[in-house]
C-alpha atoms as a PDB file:
ATOM      1  CA  MET A   1     113.126  77.707 120.349  1.00  0.00           C
ATOM      2  CA  ALA A   2     112.804  76.613 116.791  1.00  0.00           C
ATOM      3  CA  SER A   3     114.940  73.549 115.697  1.00  0.00           C
ATOM      4  CA  SER A   4     114.698  73.808 111.929  1.00  0.00           C
ATOM      5  CA  SER A   5     116.443  77.353 111.572  1.00  0.00           C
ATOM      6  CA  ALA A   6     119.299  75.856 109.915  1.00  0.00           C
ATOM      7  CA  THR A   7     117.235  74.707 106.945  1.00  0.00           C
ATOM      8  CA  SER A   8     114.699  77.378 107.062  1.00  0.00           C
ATOM      9  CA  ILE A   9     116.620  80.579 106.594  1.00  0.00           C
ATOM     10  CA  PRO A  10     118.326  80.987 102.994  1.00  0.00           C
ATOM     11  CA  PRO A  11     121.917  81.828 102.477  1.00  0.00           C
ATOM     12  CA  GLY A  12     122.732  85.249 102.781  1.00  0.00           C
ATOM     13  CA  MET A  13     119.967  86.011 105.354  1.00  0.00           C
ATOM     14  CA  GLU A  14     121.482  84.352 108.315  1.00  0.00           C
ATOM     15  CA  ASN A  15     121.973  87.756 110.146  1.00  0.00           C
ATOM     16  CA  PHE A  16     118.601  89.549 109.179  1.00  0.00           C
ATOM     17  CA  ILE A  17     116.785  90.297 112.353  1.00  0.00           C
ATOM     18  CA  ILE A  18     113.172  91.236 112.461  1.00  0.00           C
ATOM     19  CA  GLY A  19     111.710  93.699 114.863  1.00  0.00           C
ATOM     20  CA  ILE A  20     108.010  94.022 115.898  1.00  0.00           C
ATOM     21  CA  ILE A  21     106.547  96.961 117.499  1.00  0.00           C
ATOM     22  CA  GLY A  22     102.946  96.064 118.941  1.00  0.00           C
ATOM     23  CA  MET A  23     102.188  92.787 120.666  1.00  0.00           C
ATOM     24  CA  GLY A  24      98.421  92.575 120.134  1.00  0.00           C
ATOM     25  CA  ASP A  25      96.858  89.316 118.561  1.00  0.00           C
ATOM     26  CA  MET A  26      98.245  89.891 115.245  1.00  0.00           C
ATOM     27  CA  GLY A  27     101.764  90.750 116.595  1.00  0.00           C
ATOM     28  CA  LYS A  28     101.984  87.599 118.744  1.00  0.00           C
ATOM     29  CA  MET A  29     101.003  85.549 115.791  1.00  0.00           C
ATOM     30  CA  TYR A  30     103.768  86.988 113.552  1.00  0.00           C
ATOM     31  CA  ALA A  31     106.092  86.744 116.197  1.00  0.00           C
ATOM     32  CA  ARG A  32     105.597  83.015 116.734  1.00  0.00           C
ATOM     33  CA  ARG A  33     105.495  82.290 113.681  1.00  0.00           C
ATOM     34  CA  LEU A  34     108.658  83.983 112.150  1.00  0.00           C
ATOM     35  CA  SER A  35     110.401  82.529 115.157  1.00  0.00           C
ATOM     36  CA  ASP A  36     109.292  78.959 114.538  1.00  0.00           C
ATOM     37  CA  ALA A  37     110.552  79.525 111.142  1.00  0.00           C
ATOM     38  CA  GLY A  38     114.170  80.150 112.541  1.00  0.00           C
ATOM     39  CA  TRP A  39     114.022  83.959 112.089  1.00  0.00           C
ATOM     40  CA  LYS A  40     115.645  86.166 114.790  1.00  0.00           C
ATOM     41  CA  VAL A  41     112.775  87.967 116.039  1.00  0.00           C
ATOM     42  CA  LYS A  42     112.840  91.200 118.676  1.00  0.00           C
ATOM     43  CA  ALA A  43     109.486  92.366 119.870  1.00  0.00           C
ATOM     44  CA  CYS A  44     108.187  94.733 122.226  1.00  0.00           C
ATOM     45  CA  ASP A  45     104.920  97.066 123.049  1.00  0.00           C
ATOM     46  CA  ARG A  46     103.717  99.812 124.994  1.00  0.00           C
ATOM     47  CA  GLU A  47     101.728  99.764 127.986  1.00  0.00           C
ATOM     48  CA  ASP A  48      98.572 101.608 126.485  1.00  0.00           C
ATOM     49  CA  HIS A  49      98.700  99.044 124.115  1.00  0.00           C
ATOM     50  CA  VAL A  50      98.442 101.456 120.606  1.00  0.00           C
ATOM     51  CA  GLU A  51      96.452 100.735 117.803  1.00  0.00           C
ATOM     52  CA  ALA A  52      96.282 101.326 114.577  1.00  0.00           C
ATOM     53  CA  ALA A  53      94.661 104.861 114.936  1.00  0.00           C
ATOM     54  CA  GLY A  54      97.854 105.890 116.769  1.00  0.00           C
ATOM     55  CA  ILE A  55     100.150 104.716 114.108  1.00  0.00           C
ATOM     56  CA  GLY A  56     101.104 108.372 113.326  1.00  0.00           C
ATOM     57  CA  ARG A  57     102.362 109.196 117.071  1.00  0.00           C
ATOM     58  CA  VAL A  58     104.020 105.989 117.359  1.00  0.00           C
ATOM     59  CA  VAL A  59     105.749 106.249 114.137  1.00  0.00           C
ATOM     60  CA  ALA A  60     106.729 110.039 114.923  1.00  0.00           C
ATOM     61  CA  GLU A  61     108.208 108.738 118.109  1.00  0.00           C
ATOM     62  CA  TYR A  62     110.356 106.016 117.126  1.00  0.00           C
ATOM     63  CA  GLY A  63     110.753 106.198 113.342  1.00  0.00           C
ATOM     64  CA  PRO A  64     113.428 108.870 113.395  1.00  0.00           C
ATOM     65  CA  SER A  65     115.957 106.494 115.292  1.00  0.00           C
ATOM     66  CA  THR A  66     115.603 103.620 112.598  1.00  0.00           C
ATOM     67  CA  LYS A  67     118.674 102.020 111.892  1.00  0.00           C
ATOM     68  CA  GLN A  68     120.369 103.127 108.473  1.00  0.00           C
ATOM     69  CA  ASN A  69     119.145 100.975 105.570  1.00  0.00           C
ATOM     70  CA  ALA A  70     116.593  98.905 107.417  1.00  0.00           C
ATOM     71  CA  ILE A  71     113.301  97.642 106.073  1.00  0.00           C
ATOM     72  CA  VAL A  72     110.325  99.001 107.603  1.00  0.00           C
ATOM     73  CA  GLY A  73     106.612  98.001 107.247  1.00  0.00           C
ATOM     74  CA  GLY A  74     103.252  97.906 108.916  1.00  0.00           C
ATOM     75  CA  GLN A  75     100.130  95.461 109.349  1.00  0.00           C
ATOM     76  CA  THR A  76      97.348  97.831 109.959  1.00  0.00           C
ATOM     77  CA  SER A  77      94.255  97.080 107.697  1.00  0.00           C
ATOM     78  CA  CYS A  78      94.462 100.747 106.395  1.00  0.00           C
ATOM     79  CA  LYS A  79      97.290 101.789 104.465  1.00  0.00           C
ATOM     80  CA  ASP A  80      96.658 105.559 103.741  1.00  0.00           C
ATOM     81  CA  PRO A  81      97.745 106.897 107.473  1.00  0.00           C
ATOM     82  CA  GLU A  82     100.350 104.289 107.757  1.00  0.00           C
ATOM     83  CA  ILE A  83     102.266 105.413 104.540  1.00  0.00           C
ATOM     84  CA  LYS A  84     101.671 108.754 105.332  1.00  0.00           C
ATOM     85  CA  ALA A  85     103.589 108.453 109.247  1.00  0.00           C
ATOM     86  CA  PHE A  86     106.097 106.565 107.373  1.00  0.00           C
ATOM     87  CA  GLU A  87     106.896 109.110 104.666  1.00  0.00           C
ATOM     88  CA  ASP A  88     106.972 111.816 107.481  1.00  0.00           C
ATOM     89  CA  HIS A  89     108.933 110.331 109.989  1.00  0.00           C
ATOM     90  CA  LEU A  90     111.287 107.671 108.467  1.00  0.00           C
ATOM     91  CA  PRO A  91     114.812 108.709 107.473  1.00  0.00           C
ATOM     92  CA  PRO A  92     114.788 108.592 103.621  1.00  0.00           C
ATOM     93  CA  ASP A  93     117.614 105.805 103.421  1.00  0.00           C
ATOM     94  CA  VAL A  94     114.655 103.472 105.024  1.00  0.00           C
ATOM     95  CA  ASP A  95     112.982 101.118 102.814  1.00  0.00           C
ATOM     96  CA  ILE A  96     109.288 100.736 103.082  1.00  0.00           C
ATOM     97  CA  VAL A  97     107.542  97.549 102.123  1.00  0.00           C
ATOM     98  CA  SER A  98     104.248  97.189 104.163  1.00  0.00           C
ATOM     99  CA  CYS A  99     101.724  94.060 104.391  1.00  0.00           C
ATOM    100  CA  HIS A 100      98.398  93.347 105.429  1.00  0.00           C
ATOM    101  CA  SER A 101      97.074  89.535 106.383  1.00  0.00           C
ATOM    102  CA  LEU A 102      93.584  88.891 105.110  1.00  0.00           C
ATOM    103  CA  HIS A 103      92.868  86.559 108.189  1.00  0.00           C
ATOM    104  CA  GLY A 104      92.237  86.974 111.671  1.00  0.00           C
ATOM    105  CA  PRO A 105      95.362  86.286 114.136  1.00  0.00           C
ATOM    106  CA  LYS A 106      93.761  82.781 115.287  1.00  0.00           C
ATOM    107  CA  VAL A 107      93.866  81.226 111.891  1.00  0.00           C
ATOM    108  CA  ASP A 108      96.564  79.094 111.009  1.00  0.00           C
ATOM    109  CA  SER A 109      96.879  79.352 107.094  1.00  0.00           C
ATOM    110  CA  LYS A 110      98.594  76.323 106.761  1.00  0.00           C
ATOM    111  CA  ASP A 111      96.680  73.187 105.512  1.00  0.00           C
ATOM    112  CA  GLN A 112      93.454  74.943 105.204  1.00  0.00           C
ATOM    113  CA  PRO A 113      90.582  74.096 102.736  1.00  0.00           C
ATOM    114  CA  LEU A 114      90.333  77.689 101.920  1.00  0.00           C
ATOM    115  CA  ASP A 115      93.237  80.003 100.462  1.00  0.00           C
ATOM    116  CA  TYR A 116      94.400  82.643 102.763  1.00  0.00           C
ATOM    117  CA  TYR A 117      95.971  85.847 101.391  1.00  0.00           C
ATOM    118  CA  LYS A 118      98.750  88.217 102.489  1.00  0.00           C
ATOM    119  CA  VAL A 119      98.846  91.807 100.715  1.00  0.00           C
ATOM    120  CA  LEU A 120     102.512  92.987  99.896  1.00  0.00           C
ATOM    121  CA  ILE A 121     103.249  96.587  98.859  1.00  0.00           C
ATOM    122  CA  LYS A 122     106.380  97.728  97.608  1.00  0.00           C
ATOM    123  CA  HIS A 123     105.678 101.217  98.386  1.00  0.00           C
ATOM    124  CA  ARG A 124     109.717 102.787  98.500  1.00  0.00           C
ATOM    125  CA  ALA A 125     112.114 100.030  98.391  1.00  0.00           C
ATOM    126  CA  SER A 126     114.816  97.831  96.414  1.00  0.00           C
ATOM    127  CA  ASP A 127     114.277  94.747  94.605  1.00  0.00           C
ATOM    128  CA  GLU A 128     116.503  93.293  97.147  1.00  0.00           C
ATOM    129  CA  SER A 129     114.744  94.349 100.478  1.00  0.00           C
ATOM    130  CA  PHE A 130     111.413  93.600  98.833  1.00  0.00           C
ATOM    131  CA  HIS A 131     112.555  90.163  98.223  1.00  0.00           C
ATOM    132  CA  LYS A 132     114.032  89.796 101.666  1.00  0.00           C
ATOM    133  CA  VAL A 133     110.610  90.804 103.273  1.00  0.00           C
ATOM    134  CA  GLU A 134     108.805  88.187 100.875  1.00  0.00           C
ATOM    135  CA  THR A 135     111.270  85.448 102.090  1.00  0.00           C
ATOM    136  CA  ALA A 136     110.575  86.126 105.560  1.00  0.00           C
ATOM    137  CA  LEU A 137     107.037  86.151 105.510  1.00  0.00           C
ATOM    138  CA  ARG A 138     106.943  82.796 103.110  1.00  0.00           C
ATOM    139  CA  CYS A 139     106.834  81.173 106.762  1.00  0.00           C
ATOM    140  CA  LEU A 140     103.261  82.458 107.106  1.00  0.00           C
ATOM    141  CA  GLN A 141     102.333  80.075 104.020  1.00  0.00           C
ATOM    142  CA  SER A 142      99.689  82.345 102.409  1.00  0.00           C
ATOM    143  CA  LYS A 143      99.411  83.348  98.854  1.00  0.00           C
ATOM    144  CA  HIS A 144     101.041  86.984  98.214  1.00  0.00           C
ATOM    145  CA  VAL A 145      99.046  89.282  96.459  1.00  0.00           C
ATOM    146  CA  TYR A 146     100.868  92.564  95.170  1.00  0.00           C
ATOM    147  CA  LEU A 147      99.114  95.988  95.294  1.00  0.00           C
ATOM    148  CA  THR A 148      99.794  99.659  96.084  1.00  0.00           C
ATOM    149  CA  ALA A 149      98.620 101.206  98.973  1.00  0.00           C
ATOM    150  CA  HIS A 150      95.894 102.929  97.496  1.00  0.00           C
ATOM    151  CA  GLU A 151      94.787  99.775  95.706  1.00  0.00           C
ATOM    152  CA  HIS A 152      94.523  98.048  99.060  1.00  0.00           C
ATOM    153  CA  ASP A 153      92.598 100.530 100.649  1.00  0.00           C
ATOM    154  CA  ARG A 154      89.949 101.077  97.795  1.00  0.00           C
ATOM    155  CA  ILE A 155      89.549  97.278  97.401  1.00  0.00           C
ATOM    156  CA  THR A 156      89.078  96.721 101.345  1.00  0.00           C
ATOM    157  CA  ALA A 157      86.470  99.576 101.227  1.00  0.00           C
ATOM    158  CA  ASP A 158      84.672  98.210  98.304  1.00  0.00           C
ATOM    159  CA  THR A 159      84.553  94.545 100.006  1.00  0.00           C
ATOM    160  CA  GLN A 160      84.113  95.252 103.732  1.00  0.00           C
ATOM    161  CA  ALA A 161      83.337  98.677 104.986  1.00  0.00           C
ATOM    162  CA  VAL A 162      79.797  98.675 103.911  1.00  0.00           C
ATOM    163  CA  THR A 163      79.374  95.311 104.624  1.00  0.00           C
ATOM    164  CA  HIS A 164      80.309  95.663 108.103  1.00  0.00           C
ATOM    165  CA  ALA A 165      78.286  98.522 108.396  1.00  0.00           C
ATOM    166  CA  ALA A 166      75.010  96.710 107.508  1.00  0.00           C
ATOM    167  CA  PHE A 167      75.508  93.962 109.872  1.00  0.00           C
ATOM    168  CA  LEU A 168      76.619  96.383 112.965  1.00  0.00           C
ATOM    169  CA  SER A 169      73.116  98.138 112.157  1.00  0.00           C
ATOM    170  CA  MET A 170      71.467  94.881 112.615  1.00  0.00           C
ATOM    171  CA  GLY A 171      73.552  93.970 115.886  1.00  0.00           C
ATOM    172  CA  LYS A 172      72.368  97.649 117.237  1.00  0.00           C
ATOM    173  CA  ALA A 173      68.464  97.533 116.382  1.00  0.00           C
ATOM    174  CA  TRP A 174      68.708  93.958 117.919  1.00  0.00           C
ATOM    175  CA  HIS A 175      70.334  95.385 121.213  1.00  0.00           C
ATOM    176  CA  SER A 176      68.045  98.152 120.871  1.00  0.00           C
ATOM    177  CA  SER A 177      64.876  95.677 120.852  1.00  0.00           C
ATOM    178  CA  ARG A 178      66.195  94.008 124.082  1.00  0.00           C
ATOM    179  CA  GLN A 179      65.893  90.746 122.173  1.00  0.00           C
ATOM    180  CA  PHE A 180      68.329  87.997 120.716  1.00  0.00           C
ATOM    181  CA  PRO A 181      67.303  87.433 117.156  1.00  0.00           C
ATOM    182  CA  TRP A 182      67.146  83.738 117.469  1.00  0.00           C
ATOM    183  CA  GLU A 183      64.377  84.253 120.276  1.00  0.00           C
ATOM    184  CA  GLY A 184      61.461  85.449 117.765  1.00  0.00           C
ATOM    185  CA  ALA A 185      59.950  83.945 114.875  1.00  0.00           C
ATOM    186  CA  ARG A 186      61.315  86.582 112.365  1.00  0.00           C
ATOM    187  CA  TYR A 187      64.922  85.530 111.850  1.00  0.00           C
ATOM    188  CA  VAL A 188      64.788  81.651 111.575  1.00  0.00           C
ATOM    189  CA  GLY A 189      66.522  79.363 108.825  1.00  0.00           C
ATOM    190  CA  GLY A 190      68.299  80.148 105.741  1.00  0.00           C
ATOM    191  CA  ILE A 191      69.729  83.509 105.187  1.00  0.00           C
ATOM    192  CA  GLU A 192      68.702  84.736 108.602  1.00  0.00           C
ATOM    193  CA  ASN A 193      70.951  82.238 110.178  1.00  0.00           C
ATOM    194  CA  VAL A 194      73.896  83.538 108.141  1.00  0.00           C
ATOM    195  CA  LYS A 195      73.038  86.798 109.016  1.00  0.00           C
ATOM    196  CA  ILE A 196      73.022  86.312 112.810  1.00  0.00           C
ATOM    197  CA  ASN A 197      76.495  84.306 112.503  1.00  0.00           C
ATOM    198  CA  LEU A 198      78.028  87.155 110.925  1.00  0.00           C
ATOM    199  CA  THR A 199      76.877  89.880 113.046  1.00  0.00           C
ATOM    200  CA  MET A 200      77.974  87.890 116.111  1.00  0.00           C
ATOM    201  CA  ARG A 201      81.222  87.410 114.451  1.00  0.00           C
ATOM    202  CA  ILE A 202      81.703  91.002 113.840  1.00  0.00           C
ATOM    203  CA  TYR A 203      80.659  91.909 117.359  1.00  0.00           C
ATOM    204  CA  SER A 204      83.195  89.196 118.696  1.00  0.00           C
ATOM    205  CA  GLN A 205      86.156  91.105 117.477  1.00  0.00           C
ATOM    206  CA  LYS A 206      87.851  94.072 118.623  1.00  0.00           C
ATOM    207  CA  TRP A 207      86.726  97.377 118.095  1.00  0.00           C
ATOM    208  CA  HIS A 208      90.015  98.731 116.146  1.00  0.00           C
ATOM    209  CA  VAL A 209      89.758  96.132 113.667  1.00  0.00           C
ATOM    210  CA  TYR A 210      86.575  97.704 111.950  1.00  0.00           C
ATOM    211  CA  ALA A 211      87.316 101.206 113.000  1.00  0.00           C
ATOM    212  CA  GLY A 212      90.702 100.760 110.992  1.00  0.00           C
ATOM    213  CA  LEU A 213      88.436  99.636 108.036  1.00  0.00           C
ATOM    214  CA  ALA A 214      85.685 102.143 108.345  1.00  0.00           C
ATOM    215  CA  ILE A 215      87.036 105.383 110.145  1.00  0.00           C
ATOM    216  CA  LEU A 216      90.506 105.645 108.901  1.00  0.00           C
ATOM    217  CA  ASN A 217      90.006 104.569 105.378  1.00  0.00           C
ATOM    218  CA  PRO A 218      89.445 107.413 103.221  1.00  0.00           C
ATOM    219  CA  GLU A 219      87.904 104.977 100.297  1.00  0.00           C
ATOM    220  CA  ALA A 220      85.757 103.650 102.831  1.00  0.00           C
ATOM    221  CA  ARG A 221      84.117 107.097 103.689  1.00  0.00           C
ATOM    222  CA  LYS A 222      83.130 107.186 100.333  1.00  0.00           C
ATOM    223  CA  GLN A 223      81.095 103.832 100.588  1.00  0.00           C
ATOM    224  CA  ILE A 224      79.797 104.725 104.202  1.00  0.00           C
ATOM    225  CA  ASN A 225      78.221 108.134 103.227  1.00  0.00           C
ATOM    226  CA  GLN A 226      76.659 106.535 100.304  1.00  0.00           C
ATOM    227  CA  TYR A 227      75.204 103.786 102.158  1.00  0.00           C
ATOM    228  CA  ALA A 228      73.841 106.304 104.686  1.00  0.00           C
ATOM    229  CA  LYS A 229      72.379 108.360 101.930  1.00  0.00           C
ATOM    230  CA  SER A 230      70.894 105.263 100.436  1.00  0.00           C
ATOM    231  CA  VAL A 231      68.996 103.867 103.535  1.00  0.00           C
ATOM    232  CA  THR A 232      67.679 107.311 104.338  1.00  0.00           C
ATOM    233  CA  GLU A 233      66.545 107.562 100.708  1.00  0.00           C
ATOM    234  CA  LEU A 234      64.876 104.153 100.830  1.00  0.00           C
ATOM    235  CA  PHE A 235      63.468 104.718 103.978  1.00  0.00           C
ATOM    236  CA  LYS A 236      61.790 108.125 103.137  1.00  0.00           C
ATOM    237  CA  LEU A 237      59.963 106.228 100.197  1.00  0.00           C
ATOM    238  CA  MET A 238      58.834 103.391 102.682  1.00  0.00           C
ATOM    239  CA  LEU A 239      57.341 105.977 104.848  1.00  0.00           C
ATOM    240  CA  GLY A 240      55.682 107.902 101.955  1.00  0.00           C
ATOM    241  CA  GLY A 241      54.183 104.835 100.693  1.00  0.00           C
ATOM    242  CA  HIS A 242      55.863 105.566  97.302  1.00  0.00           C
ATOM    243  CA  ARG A 243      55.697 101.239  96.637  1.00  0.00           C
ATOM    244  CA  ALA A 244      56.161 101.887  92.613  1.00  0.00           C
ATOM    245  CA  GLU A 245      59.213 104.077  93.104  1.00  0.00           C
ATOM    246  CA  LEU A 246      60.639 101.700  95.831  1.00  0.00           C
ATOM    247  CA  ARG A 247      60.049  98.988  93.848  1.00  0.00           C
ATOM    248  CA  GLU A 248      61.815 100.297  90.654  1.00  0.00           C
ATOM    249  CA  ARG A 249      64.658 101.594  92.622  1.00  0.00           C
ATOM    250  CA  VAL A 250      65.487  98.163  94.360  1.00  0.00           C
ATOM    251  CA  LEU A 251      65.188  96.256  90.993  1.00  0.00           C
ATOM    252  CA  ARG A 252      67.605  98.582  89.253  1.00  0.00           C
ATOM    253  CA  ALA A 253      69.829  97.921  92.094  1.00  0.00           C
ATOM    254  CA  LYS A 254      69.490  94.225  91.566  1.00  0.00           C
ATOM    255  CA  GLU A 255      70.184  94.589  87.714  1.00  0.00           C
ATOM    256  CA  LYS A 256      73.169  96.373  88.212  1.00  0.00           C
ATOM    257  CA  VAL A 257      74.740  94.275  90.822  1.00  0.00           C
ATOM    258  CA  PHE A 258      73.478  90.668  89.439  1.00  0.00           C
ATOM    259  CA  GLY A 259      72.539  91.701  85.706  1.00  0.00           C
ATOM    260  CA  SER A 260      69.306  91.540  83.720  1.00  0.00           C
ATOM    261  CA  ASP A 261      66.742  88.514  84.398  1.00  0.00           C
ATOM    262  CA  ASP A 262      68.144  87.623  80.759  1.00  0.00           C
ATOM    263  CA  VAL A 263      71.486  87.402  82.048  1.00  0.00           C
ATOM    264  CA  LEU A 264      70.445  85.300  85.456  1.00  0.00           C
ATOM    265  CA  ASN A 265      68.097  83.149  83.222  1.00  0.00           C
ATOM    266  CA  ALA A 266      71.081  82.213  80.961  1.00  0.00           C
ATOM    267  CA  ARG A 267      73.514  81.651  83.772  1.00  0.00           C
ATOM    268  CA  ARG A 268      70.984  79.457  85.331  1.00  0.00           C
ATOM    269  CA  THR A 269      70.322  77.654  82.211  1.00  0.00           C
ATOM    270  CA  TRP A 270      74.022  77.228  81.695  1.00  0.00           C
ATOM    271  CA  ARG A 271      74.445  75.700  85.145  1.00  0.00           C
ATOM    272  CA  ARG A 272      72.097  72.930  84.563  1.00  0.00           C
ATOM    273  CA  CYS A 273      73.632  71.694  81.321  1.00  0.00           C
ATOM    274  CA  PRO A 274      75.218  68.624  81.686  1.00  0.00           C
ATOM    275  CA  THR A 275      79.027  68.556  81.171  1.00  0.00           C
ATOM    276  CA  THR A 276      80.216  67.679  77.590  1.00  0.00           C
ATOM    277  CA  THR A 277      83.428  66.405  76.535  1.00  0.00           C
END
């Protein structure tokens, strides 16, 4: 039990109770951190360990019995199916304030050299309800970012879905070759070490984390489809020996992402300039 509850709970929220359904890695982290901060926490789980993919079925089963005027939210990495489930099965008097911690369950966001963020989504809630949720979650000591559910899924797709797909593809290729990448001379040093480390980190996580990012996210599907299309077209250019067309396409992509050579040279020059006061 936490010993600091008397100083952690603001006036007016002494009787605020937090319920958590799902005691996976993130659920356990939330329960511990909230309890340590002095909040009253009640947690439960199912024997089949329901993941984010089953949120529609879970909310359909338990949502209608939600207490009157309660506040409900989810912690899934994809908000589209989560919000749809809440809208379909929660009573109209229930407020919806969702969230998503942008770090893993083993990360302690306190006193870290990097900034860790939590997305807060005020989907259907009063200012008072939203303030209560934000107050309770401050014990995680993450920086709060305020987005809509659609904005969250679009940004997640843009920054993570295709990136993960690329590294998963590399891991699959290494598996098919029956050789660890560090056993050969091809992947040695520099950026190759980064590729290996990122791939191994992704493969060490639970499958549902990446399924939620790529399979359930409608915004991610657009990115994955384009990624697959681009890879196929580039491969055809390689097999067909269309060197000039391949080079032109790759350089055009480079310019779109990083800017023209003039812009890149200007950036390099600016970085080399001594600081003036």
